Protein backbone atom coordinates (compact mmCIF):
# COMPACT_ATOMS: atom_id res chain seq x y z
CA UNK A 1 -56.05 -34.53 34.96
CA UNK A 2 -59.06 -33.45 32.95
CA UNK A 3 -56.81 -31.27 30.68
CA UNK A 4 -54.76 -34.42 29.98
CA UNK A 5 -57.70 -36.78 29.14
CA UNK A 6 -58.99 -34.88 25.74
CA UNK A 7 -55.56 -34.91 23.80
CA UNK A 8 -55.07 -38.37 24.71
CA UNK A 9 -58.40 -39.85 23.62
CA UNK A 10 -58.31 -37.64 20.40
CA UNK A 11 -54.74 -38.88 19.56
CA UNK A 12 -56.19 -42.49 20.30
CA UNK A 13 -58.95 -42.03 17.87
CA UNK A 14 -57.01 -40.69 15.18
CA UNK A 15 -54.11 -43.43 15.54
CA UNK A 16 -57.05 -46.07 15.51
CA UNK A 17 -58.67 -44.45 11.99
CA UNK A 18 -55.07 -44.36 10.37
CA UNK A 19 -54.61 -48.15 11.77
CA UNK A 20 -58.08 -49.16 10.54
CA UNK A 21 -57.23 -47.55 7.04
CA UNK A 22 -53.82 -49.46 6.65
CA UNK A 23 -55.66 -52.62 7.43
CA UNK A 24 -58.11 -52.09 4.97
CA UNK A 25 -55.37 -50.89 2.13
CA UNK A 26 -53.51 -54.44 2.98
CA UNK A 27 -56.79 -56.45 2.63
CA UNK A 28 -57.35 -54.82 -0.90
CA UNK A 29 -54.03 -55.32 -2.06
CA UNK A 30 -54.26 -58.76 -1.13
CA UNK A 31 -57.35 -59.24 -2.93
CA UNK A 32 -55.89 -57.40 -6.27
CA UNK A 33 -52.83 -59.67 -6.19
CA UNK A 34 -55.04 -62.99 -5.77
CA UNK A 35 -57.23 -61.99 -8.79
CA UNK A 36 -60.41 -62.35 -7.09
CA UNK A 37 -62.91 -59.58 -8.25
CA UNK A 38 -63.84 -57.24 -5.40
CA UNK A 39 -67.75 -56.79 -6.48
CA UNK A 40 -69.39 -57.89 -9.26
CA UNK A 41 -72.63 -56.19 -10.74
CA UNK A 42 -75.06 -58.14 -8.26
CA UNK A 43 -73.12 -56.95 -5.37
CA UNK A 44 -72.89 -53.22 -6.35
CA UNK A 45 -76.74 -53.28 -6.72
CA UNK A 46 -77.50 -54.91 -3.28
CA UNK A 47 -74.66 -52.48 -1.65
CA UNK A 48 -76.65 -49.75 -3.50
CA UNK A 49 -79.79 -50.66 -1.96
CA UNK A 50 -78.58 -51.27 1.46
CA UNK A 51 -76.87 -47.64 1.21
CA UNK A 52 -80.07 -45.97 0.26
CA UNK A 53 -82.33 -47.50 2.68
CA UNK A 54 -79.71 -47.08 5.58
CA UNK A 55 -79.55 -43.20 4.51
CA UNK A 56 -83.32 -42.83 4.63
CA UNK A 57 -83.82 -44.60 8.01
CA UNK A 58 -81.00 -42.91 9.36
CA UNK A 59 -82.48 -39.42 8.21
CA UNK A 60 -86.02 -40.55 9.53
CA UNK A 61 -84.61 -41.27 12.52
CA UNK A 62 -82.76 -37.70 13.00
CA UNK A 63 -86.10 -36.26 12.36
CA UNK A 64 -87.82 -38.28 15.01
CA UNK A 65 -85.37 -37.47 17.63
CA UNK A 66 -85.25 -33.72 16.70
CA UNK A 67 -89.07 -33.59 16.63
CA UNK A 68 -89.22 -35.44 20.14
CA UNK A 69 -86.71 -32.95 21.57
CA UNK A 70 -88.67 -29.81 20.08
CA UNK A 71 -91.94 -30.84 21.14
CA UNK A 72 -90.57 -31.75 24.47
CA UNK A 73 -88.92 -28.47 25.06
CA UNK A 74 -91.66 -26.58 23.97
CA UNK A 75 -94.49 -28.25 25.71
CA UNK A 76 -93.22 -30.19 28.58
C-alpha cells in the first residue's frame, strides 16, 4: 500500500500542473483574440514591485527559520 501512494500522488501533481498550464494558455489566447492588452506600463511596474518585495520577504523568512533551527539545535 505504501509503495502505491507516492506514484499516484506524483502522477496527480504532474497532471494538475499540465491542466493548469493548459487553462492559462486558453485564457491567454482568448485575451489575445479579444484584443485587450494583457499588461500596460503601470501594471508591469506594480507587478515588478510586488515580485521584488515577495522575493525579499521570502528570503528573510527562510533566513529566520534557518536561524531558529540552527540556534535550537546548537543550544537547546
